[in-house]
Amino acid sequence: MAIAHFSASIVSRGSGRSVVLSAAYRHCAKMEYEREARTIDYTRKQGLLHEEFVLPADAPKWVRTLIADRSVSGAVEAFWNKVEAFEKRADAQLARDLTIALPLELSAEQNITLVRDFVERHILAKGMVADWVYHDNPGNPHIHLMTTLRPLTADGFGSKKVAVIGDDGQPVRTKSGKILYELWAGSTDDFNVLREGWFERLNHHLALGGIDFRIDGRSYEKQRIDLEPTIHLGVGAKAI
C-alpha cells in the first residue's frame, strides 16, 4: 500500500558526504570525483529503473553547454563536480537530498509521470536543477531527488542567501535599516509546502489511475489520530 514518506537531508562535507559520491551511488554509475582525483564506480549496484537530470527553463548557457551531448549520468557527473569545485569550505553544504516513497498501486510509467509532474511544478519552477533516480526495490519503490542550494547565474552560482522582497518590490529592511535575507533554497516552512505539494500531486495521480483512496501527509497528531507513528525502514534494514 502507498505510504507517506517524504524526507530530506543536506549533502554536506561537514558530515563526510560528497555530492558526486552520492550521485554515483544513486545512478549506479562510474564517475570521476575531480576534487579528490579518483574514480567512483557503482556500476555493479542494482535497482536503478529510471534516471533524469533536468534544468529549469531559464538555465544559463554555460550549464546547458556543460551537459550537452552527455548521458544522464555524464551530465550529473559534470554538474556536481562543478558544484564541488565552487564550494571551497571544508563544511560546505552541497545539495538537498530528498527521499520519496512511490505508491505500489501505480505502474512504473505512472510513477515516472507523477515525479515529472512534481519536479516541473515544485523544483524546476523555482529555478532549481533536478537530479532524480527511480529505484525499484521490491516492495519499496522510491526516488532520490537532489536539488541545488544556490541559484544558477550567467557565469556560475549565486548566493545561498537572497534579499526578502516586499509587496512594493523593494527589499524588506529591519528596524535598524538592514536588509532582511532568506535562504534561496527555502526555509522549514518552504519545505513543508514542498512536502504538501508532493502529496497533492500524489493524490491527483492516484485519482487519475482510478485508485480509490488518498494519502494524508500530515502527522497523526495533526490529523487528531491517537496512534504512535512507525519508523520508515529502508531497504538495508528490511534486508536485515
C-alpha atoms as a PDB file:
ATOM      1  CA  MET A   1       0.000   0.000   0.000  1.00  0.00           C
ATOM      2  CA  ALA A   2       1.177   3.553  -0.693  1.00  0.00           C
ATOM      3  CA  ILE A   3       2.969   5.171   2.262  1.00  0.00           C
ATOM      4  CA  ALA A   4       3.528   8.801   3.200  1.00  0.00           C
ATOM      5  CA  HIS A   5       7.307   9.009   3.253  1.00  0.00           C
ATOM      6  CA  PHE A   6       8.958  12.269   2.216  1.00  0.00           C
ATOM      7  CA  SER A   7      12.260  13.096   3.908  1.00  0.00           C
ATOM      8  CA  ALA A   8      15.116  15.496   3.302  1.00  0.00           C
ATOM      9  CA  SER A   9      18.760  15.821   4.236  1.00  0.00           C
ATOM     10  CA  ILE A  10      21.624  18.095   3.257  1.00  0.00           C
ATOM     11  CA  VAL A  11      24.634  16.673   1.439  1.00  0.00           C
ATOM     12  CA  SER A  12      27.383  18.335   3.433  1.00  0.00           C
ATOM     13  CA  ARG A  13      31.148  17.920   3.626  1.00  0.00           C
ATOM     14  CA  GLY A  14      30.832  18.599   7.330  1.00  0.00           C
ATOM     15  CA  SER A  15      29.108  15.222   7.720  1.00  0.00           C
ATOM     16  CA  GLY A  16      31.626  13.499   5.446  1.00  0.00           C
ATOM     17  CA  ARG A  17      29.458  13.427   2.337  1.00  0.00           C
ATOM     18  CA  SER A  18      30.214  14.246  -1.296  1.00  0.00           C
ATOM     19  CA  VAL A  19      27.545  15.148  -3.827  1.00  0.00           C
ATOM     20  CA  VAL A  20      29.490  13.380  -6.619  1.00  0.00           C
ATOM     21  CA  LEU A  21      29.793  10.242  -4.492  1.00  0.00           C
ATOM     22  CA  SER A  22      26.072  10.397  -3.671  1.00  0.00           C
ATOM     23  CA  ALA A  23      25.206  10.864  -7.334  1.00  0.00           C
ATOM     24  CA  ALA A  24      27.372   7.948  -8.491  1.00  0.00           C
ATOM     25  CA  TYR A  25      25.758   5.687  -5.893  1.00  0.00           C
ATOM     26  CA  ARG A  26      22.214   6.741  -6.790  1.00  0.00           C
ATOM     27  CA  HIS A  27      22.786   6.459 -10.543  1.00  0.00           C
ATOM     28  CA  CYS A  28      24.627   3.117 -10.213  1.00  0.00           C
ATOM     29  CA  ALA A  29      27.343   4.739 -12.307  1.00  0.00           C
ATOM     30  CA  LYS A  30      31.053   5.268 -12.694  1.00  0.00           C
ATOM     31  CA  MET A  31      32.086   8.886 -12.154  1.00  0.00           C
ATOM     32  CA  GLU A  32      35.270  10.905 -11.792  1.00  0.00           C
ATOM     33  CA  TYR A  33      35.451  12.662  -8.440  1.00  0.00           C
ATOM     34  CA  GLU A  34      37.624  15.558  -9.525  1.00  0.00           C
ATOM     35  CA  ARG A  35      38.083  17.122  -6.078  1.00  0.00           C
ATOM     36  CA  GLU A  36      39.950  14.036  -4.887  1.00  0.00           C
ATOM     37  CA  ALA A  37      41.230  12.930  -8.315  1.00  0.00           C
ATOM     38  CA  ARG A  38      39.724   9.469  -8.021  1.00  0.00           C
ATOM     39  CA  THR A  39      37.143   7.300  -9.750  1.00  0.00           C
ATOM     40  CA  ILE A  40      33.912   6.212  -8.081  1.00  0.00           C
ATOM     41  CA  ASP A  41      32.425   3.022  -9.516  1.00  0.00           C
ATOM     42  CA  TYR A  42      28.950   1.802  -8.543  1.00  0.00           C
ATOM     43  CA  THR A  43      28.114   0.133 -11.857  1.00  0.00           C
ATOM     44  CA  ARG A  44      27.529  -3.191 -10.078  1.00  0.00           C
ATOM     45  CA  LYS A  45      24.806  -1.711  -7.885  1.00  0.00           C
ATOM     46  CA  GLN A  46      21.282  -2.920  -8.735  1.00  0.00           C
ATOM     47  CA  GLY A  47      17.833  -1.357  -8.610  1.00  0.00           C
ATOM     48  CA  LEU A  48      18.003   1.653 -10.943  1.00  0.00           C
ATOM     49  CA  LEU A  49      14.864   1.756 -13.091  1.00  0.00           C
ATOM     50  CA  HIS A  50      14.922   5.327 -14.418  1.00  0.00           C
ATOM     51  CA  GLU A  51      17.070   8.469 -14.170  1.00  0.00           C
ATOM     52  CA  GLU A  52      16.742  12.105 -15.213  1.00  0.00           C
ATOM     53  CA  PHE A  53      18.771  15.293 -14.914  1.00  0.00           C
ATOM     54  CA  VAL A  54      16.637  18.319 -15.702  1.00  0.00           C
ATOM     55  CA  LEU A  55      17.428  22.027 -15.892  1.00  0.00           C
ATOM     56  CA  PRO A  56      14.967  24.879 -15.270  1.00  0.00           C
ATOM     57  CA  ALA A  57      13.643  26.599 -18.373  1.00  0.00           C
ATOM     58  CA  ASP A  58      15.774  29.716 -17.818  1.00  0.00           C
ATOM     59  CA  ALA A  59      19.032  27.856 -17.129  1.00  0.00           C
ATOM     60  CA  PRO A  60      22.033  29.868 -18.379  1.00  0.00           C
ATOM     61  CA  LYS A  61      24.051  28.928 -21.438  1.00  0.00           C
ATOM     62  CA  TRP A  62      27.113  27.667 -19.535  1.00  0.00           C
ATOM     63  CA  VAL A  63      25.220  24.872 -17.786  1.00  0.00           C
ATOM     64  CA  ARG A  64      23.433  23.838 -20.979  1.00  0.00           C
ATOM     65  CA  THR A  65      26.793  23.682 -22.727  1.00  0.00           C
ATOM     66  CA  LEU A  66      28.280  21.760 -19.792  1.00  0.00           C
ATOM     67  CA  ILE A  67      25.818  18.880 -20.115  1.00  0.00           C
ATOM     68  CA  ALA A  68      25.229  18.981 -23.891  1.00  0.00           C
ATOM     69  CA  ASP A  69      25.508  15.619 -25.666  1.00  0.00           C
ATOM     70  CA  ARG A  70      26.160  13.759 -22.418  1.00  0.00           C
ATOM     71  CA  SER A  71      24.311  10.785 -20.990  1.00  0.00           C
ATOM     72  CA  VAL A  72      22.230  11.387 -17.862  1.00  0.00           C
ATOM     73  CA  SER A  73      24.983  10.110 -15.567  1.00  0.00           C
ATOM     74  CA  GLY A  74      27.559  12.078 -17.583  1.00  0.00           C
ATOM     75  CA  ALA A  75      25.561  15.287 -17.145  1.00  0.00           C
ATOM     76  CA  VAL A  76      25.191  14.567 -13.438  1.00  0.00           C
ATOM     77  CA  GLU A  77      28.930  13.924 -13.103  1.00  0.00           C
ATOM     78  CA  ALA A  78      29.854  17.178 -14.864  1.00  0.00           C
ATOM     79  CA  PHE A  79      27.355  19.331 -12.971  1.00  0.00           C
ATOM     80  CA  TRP A  80      28.013  18.107  -9.441  1.00  0.00           C
ATOM     81  CA  ASN A  81      31.780  18.273  -9.965  1.00  0.00           C
ATOM     82  CA  LYS A  82      31.202  21.921 -10.895  1.00  0.00           C
ATOM     83  CA  VAL A  83      29.346  22.412  -7.605  1.00  0.00           C
ATOM     84  CA  GLU A  84      32.114  20.660  -5.659  1.00  0.00           C
ATOM     85  CA  ALA A  85      34.733  22.908  -7.272  1.00  0.00           C
ATOM     86  CA  PHE A  86      32.750  26.066  -6.493  1.00  0.00           C
ATOM     87  CA  GLU A  87      32.214  25.270  -2.819  1.00  0.00           C
ATOM     88  CA  LYS A  88      35.542  25.844  -1.030  1.00  0.00           C
ATOM     89  CA  ARG A  89      34.635  25.396   2.638  1.00  0.00           C
ATOM     90  CA  ALA A  90      35.519  22.171   4.422  1.00  0.00           C
ATOM     91  CA  ASP A  91      31.986  22.086   5.845  1.00  0.00           C
ATOM     92  CA  ALA A  92      30.213  23.258   2.673  1.00  0.00           C
ATOM     93  CA  GLN A  93      26.595  22.311   2.084  1.00  0.00           C
ATOM     94  CA  LEU A  94      26.401  20.988  -1.469  1.00  0.00           C
ATOM     95  CA  ALA A  95      22.847  19.883  -2.240  1.00  0.00           C
ATOM     96  CA  ARG A  96      19.460  18.990  -0.806  1.00  0.00           C
ATOM     97  CA  ASP A  97      18.667  15.284  -0.964  1.00  0.00           C
ATOM     98  CA  LEU A  98      15.028  14.164  -0.937  1.00  0.00           C
ATOM     99  CA  THR A  99      13.919  10.563  -0.494  1.00  0.00           C
ATOM    100  CA  ILE A 100      10.292   9.970  -1.512  1.00  0.00           C
ATOM    101  CA  ALA A 101       8.290   6.741  -1.435  1.00  0.00           C
ATOM    102  CA  LEU A 102       6.307   5.900  -4.574  1.00  0.00           C
ATOM    103  CA  PRO A 103       2.899   4.193  -4.489  1.00  0.00           C
ATOM    104  CA  LEU A 104       2.832   0.471  -5.245  1.00  0.00           C
ATOM    105  CA  GLU A 105      -0.626   0.977  -6.732  1.00  0.00           C
ATOM    106  CA  LEU A 106       0.759   2.865  -9.737  1.00  0.00           C
ATOM    107  CA  SER A 107       2.788   1.312 -12.541  1.00  0.00           C
ATOM    108  CA  ALA A 108       6.386   2.367 -13.175  1.00  0.00           C
ATOM    109  CA  GLU A 109       5.253   4.510 -16.098  1.00  0.00           C
ATOM    110  CA  GLN A 110       2.573   6.178 -13.973  1.00  0.00           C
ATOM    111  CA  ASN A 111       5.078   6.852 -11.187  1.00  0.00           C
ATOM    112  CA  ILE A 112       7.525   8.425 -13.641  1.00  0.00           C
ATOM    113  CA  THR A 113       4.737  10.702 -14.887  1.00  0.00           C
ATOM    114  CA  LEU A 114       3.919  11.589 -11.263  1.00  0.00           C
ATOM    115  CA  VAL A 115       7.533  12.505 -10.461  1.00  0.00           C
ATOM    116  CA  ARG A 116       7.924  14.551 -13.637  1.00  0.00           C
ATOM    117  CA  ASP A 117       4.769  16.481 -12.755  1.00  0.00           C
ATOM    118  CA  PHE A 118       6.024  17.193  -9.221  1.00  0.00           C
ATOM    119  CA  VAL A 119       9.504  18.182 -10.430  1.00  0.00           C
ATOM    120  CA  GLU A 120       8.094  20.545 -13.054  1.00  0.00           C
ATOM    121  CA  ARG A 121       5.767  22.303 -10.610  1.00  0.00           C
ATOM    122  CA  HIS A 122       7.848  22.402  -7.444  1.00  0.00           C
ATOM    123  CA  ILE A 123      11.539  22.154  -8.377  1.00  0.00           C
ATOM    124  CA  LEU A 124      12.155  23.498 -11.880  1.00  0.00           C
ATOM    125  CA  ALA A 125       9.621  26.306 -11.396  1.00  0.00           C
ATOM    126  CA  LYS A 126      11.831  27.609  -8.554  1.00  0.00           C
ATOM    127  CA  GLY A 127      14.916  27.699 -10.760  1.00  0.00           C
ATOM    128  CA  MET A 128      16.414  24.564  -9.223  1.00  0.00           C
ATOM    129  CA  VAL A 129      18.165  21.745 -11.023  1.00  0.00           C
ATOM    130  CA  ALA A 130      16.527  18.336 -10.538  1.00  0.00           C
ATOM    131  CA  ASP A 131      18.688  15.208 -10.442  1.00  0.00           C
ATOM    132  CA  TRP A 132      16.461  12.220  -9.730  1.00  0.00           C
ATOM    133  CA  VAL A 133      16.587   8.456  -9.879  1.00  0.00           C
ATOM    134  CA  TYR A 134      13.858   5.831  -9.557  1.00  0.00           C
ATOM    135  CA  HIS A 135      14.914   2.780  -7.542  1.00  0.00           C
ATOM    136  CA  ASP A 136      12.501  -0.109  -7.984  1.00  0.00           C
ATOM    137  CA  ASN A 137      13.347  -2.148  -4.900  1.00  0.00           C
ATOM    138  CA  PRO A 138      10.812  -4.960  -4.243  1.00  0.00           C
ATOM    139  CA  GLY A 139       8.047  -3.581  -2.044  1.00  0.00           C
ATOM    140  CA  ASN A 140       9.854  -0.258  -1.705  1.00  0.00           C
ATOM    141  CA  PRO A 141       9.808   1.784  -4.931  1.00  0.00           C
ATOM    142  CA  HIS A 142      11.173   5.259  -4.279  1.00  0.00           C
ATOM    143  CA  ILE A 143      13.072   8.164  -5.743  1.00  0.00           C
ATOM    144  CA  HIS A 144      16.124  10.092  -4.640  1.00  0.00           C
ATOM    145  CA  LEU A 145      15.997  13.697  -5.781  1.00  0.00           C
ATOM    146  CA  MET A 146      18.949  16.061  -5.387  1.00  0.00           C
ATOM    147  CA  THR A 147      18.460  19.781  -5.891  1.00  0.00           C
ATOM    148  CA  THR A 148      20.704  22.818  -5.843  1.00  0.00           C
ATOM    149  CA  LEU A 149      21.133  25.169  -2.874  1.00  0.00           C
ATOM    150  CA  ARG A 150      22.306  28.122  -4.982  1.00  0.00           C
ATOM    151  CA  PRO A 151      20.653  29.850  -7.966  1.00  0.00           C
ATOM    152  CA  LEU A 152      22.221  29.441 -11.384  1.00  0.00           C
ATOM    153  CA  THR A 153      23.678  32.714 -12.694  1.00  0.00           C
ATOM    154  CA  ALA A 154      25.047  33.755 -16.082  1.00  0.00           C
ATOM    155  CA  ASP A 155      28.592  32.844 -15.067  1.00  0.00           C
ATOM    156  CA  GLY A 156      28.173  30.257 -12.303  1.00  0.00           C
ATOM    157  CA  PHE A 157      26.343  30.092  -8.985  1.00  0.00           C
ATOM    158  CA  GLY A 158      24.744  32.814  -6.929  1.00  0.00           C
ATOM    159  CA  SER A 159      24.476  33.418  -3.193  1.00  0.00           C
ATOM    160  CA  LYS A 160      22.676  30.965  -0.921  1.00  0.00           C
ATOM    161  CA  LYS A 161      21.015  33.935   0.759  1.00  0.00           C
ATOM    162  CA  VAL A 162      18.845  36.421  -1.099  1.00  0.00           C
ATOM    163  CA  ALA A 163      17.061  39.581  -0.010  1.00  0.00           C
ATOM    164  CA  VAL A 164      13.447  39.249   1.087  1.00  0.00           C
ATOM    165  CA  ILE A 165      11.334  41.295  -1.322  1.00  0.00           C
ATOM    166  CA  GLY A 166       8.262  43.108  -0.051  1.00  0.00           C
ATOM    167  CA  ASP A 167       4.920  43.760  -1.746  1.00  0.00           C
ATOM    168  CA  ASP A 168       6.324  47.028  -3.090  1.00  0.00           C
ATOM    169  CA  GLY A 169       9.058  45.176  -4.964  1.00  0.00           C
ATOM    170  CA  GLN A 170      11.772  46.535  -2.660  1.00  0.00           C
ATOM    171  CA  PRO A 171      13.989  44.640  -0.178  1.00  0.00           C
ATOM    172  CA  VAL A 172      12.470  44.298   3.275  1.00  0.00           C
ATOM    173  CA  ARG A 173      14.513  46.014   5.994  1.00  0.00           C
ATOM    174  CA  THR A 174      14.740  45.519   9.739  1.00  0.00           C
ATOM    175  CA  LYS A 175      14.034  48.332  12.212  1.00  0.00           C
ATOM    176  CA  SER A 176      17.736  49.164  12.163  1.00  0.00           C
ATOM    177  CA  GLY A 177      17.657  49.548   8.377  1.00  0.00           C
ATOM    178  CA  LYS A 178      19.466  46.330   7.470  1.00  0.00           C
ATOM    179  CA  ILE A 179      18.202  44.277   4.540  1.00  0.00           C
ATOM    180  CA  LEU A 180      16.474  41.068   5.596  1.00  0.00           C
ATOM    181  CA  TYR A 181      17.781  37.903   3.914  1.00  0.00           C
ATOM    182  CA  GLU A 182      16.437  34.375   3.495  1.00  0.00           C
ATOM    183  CA  LEU A 183      17.805  31.107   2.129  1.00  0.00           C
ATOM    184  CA  TRP A 184      17.297  30.892  -1.637  1.00  0.00           C
ATOM    185  CA  ALA A 185      16.597  27.150  -1.393  1.00  0.00           C
ATOM    186  CA  GLY A 186      13.889  27.737   1.185  1.00  0.00           C
ATOM    187  CA  SER A 187      13.154  27.625   4.898  1.00  0.00           C
ATOM    188  CA  THR A 188      11.462  24.959   7.010  1.00  0.00           C
ATOM    189  CA  ASP A 189       8.098  26.448   6.075  1.00  0.00           C
ATOM    190  CA  ASP A 190       9.021  26.226   2.399  1.00  0.00           C
ATOM    191  CA  PHE A 191       9.972  22.581   2.875  1.00  0.00           C
ATOM    192  CA  ASN A 192       6.566  21.883   4.407  1.00  0.00           C
ATOM    193  CA  VAL A 193       4.929  23.500   1.370  1.00  0.00           C
ATOM    194  CA  LEU A 194       7.113  21.333  -0.884  1.00  0.00           C
ATOM    195  CA  ARG A 195       6.097  18.224   1.041  1.00  0.00           C
ATOM    196  CA  GLU A 196       2.420  19.154   0.825  1.00  0.00           C
ATOM    197  CA  GLY A 197       2.905  19.732  -2.895  1.00  0.00           C
ATOM    198  CA  TRP A 198       4.138  16.167  -3.299  1.00  0.00           C
ATOM    199  CA  PHE A 199       1.121  14.656  -1.558  1.00  0.00           C
ATOM    200  CA  GLU A 200      -1.234  16.845  -3.565  1.00  0.00           C
ATOM    201  CA  ARG A 201       0.322  15.578  -6.811  1.00  0.00           C
ATOM    202  CA  LEU A 202       0.441  12.005  -5.483  1.00  0.00           C
ATOM    203  CA  ASN A 203      -3.271  12.017  -4.714  1.00  0.00           C
ATOM    204  CA  HIS A 204      -4.033  13.615  -8.072  1.00  0.00           C
ATOM    205  CA  HIS A 205      -2.217  10.821  -9.895  1.00  0.00           C
ATOM    206  CA  LEU A 206      -3.805   8.128  -7.739  1.00  0.00           C
ATOM    207  CA  ALA A 207      -7.180   9.523  -8.809  1.00  0.00           C
ATOM    208  CA  LEU A 208      -6.094   9.567 -12.461  1.00  0.00           C
ATOM    209  CA  GLY A 209      -5.115   5.925 -12.089  1.00  0.00           C
ATOM    210  CA  GLY A 210      -8.552   5.013 -10.708  1.00  0.00           C
ATOM    211  CA  ILE A 211      -7.203   4.332  -7.195  1.00  0.00           C
ATOM    212  CA  ASP A 212      -9.960   4.939  -4.656  1.00  0.00           C
ATOM    213  CA  PHE A 213      -8.002   6.213  -1.651  1.00  0.00           C
ATOM    214  CA  ARG A 214      -5.885   9.210  -0.747  1.00  0.00           C
ATOM    215  CA  ILE A 215      -2.641   9.710   1.188  1.00  0.00           C
ATOM    216  CA  ASP A 216      -2.540  12.272   4.019  1.00  0.00           C
ATOM    217  CA  GLY A 217       0.996  13.508   4.615  1.00  0.00           C
ATOM    218  CA  ARG A 218       0.142  15.163   7.928  1.00  0.00           C
ATOM    219  CA  SER A 219       1.300  13.639  11.205  1.00  0.00           C
ATOM    220  CA  TYR A 220      -1.133  11.565  13.272  1.00  0.00           C
ATOM    221  CA  GLU A 221      -1.135  14.412  15.787  1.00  0.00           C
ATOM    222  CA  LYS A 222      -2.242  16.960  13.190  1.00  0.00           C
ATOM    223  CA  GLN A 223      -4.861  14.520  11.921  1.00  0.00           C
ATOM    224  CA  ARG A 224      -6.020  14.039  15.555  1.00  0.00           C
ATOM    225  CA  ILE A 225      -5.453  10.282  15.307  1.00  0.00           C
ATOM    226  CA  ASP A 226      -4.427   8.573  18.548  1.00  0.00           C
ATOM    227  CA  LEU A 227      -1.636   6.398  17.163  1.00  0.00           C
ATOM    228  CA  GLU A 228       2.136   6.288  17.523  1.00  0.00           C
ATOM    229  CA  PRO A 229       3.934   6.815  14.180  1.00  0.00           C
ATOM    230  CA  THR A 230       6.147   3.974  12.980  1.00  0.00           C
ATOM    231  CA  ILE A 231       9.677   4.360  11.634  1.00  0.00           C
ATOM    232  CA  HIS A 232      10.229   4.079   7.887  1.00  0.00           C
ATOM    233  CA  LEU A 233      12.648   1.209   7.252  1.00  0.00           C
ATOM    234  CA  GLY A 234      14.952   1.430   4.283  1.00  0.00           C
ATOM    235  CA  VAL A 235      15.955  -1.474   2.074  1.00  0.00           C
ATOM    236  CA  GLY A 236      19.032  -2.193   4.204  1.00  0.00           C
ATOM    237  CA  ALA A 237      17.058  -2.553   7.423  1.00  0.00           C
ATOM    238  CA  LYS A 238      14.451  -4.708   5.689  1.00  0.00           C
ATOM    239  CA  ALA A 239      17.183  -6.995   4.378  1.00  0.00           C
ATOM    240  CA  ILE A 240      18.489  -7.493   7.921  1.00  0.00           C
END
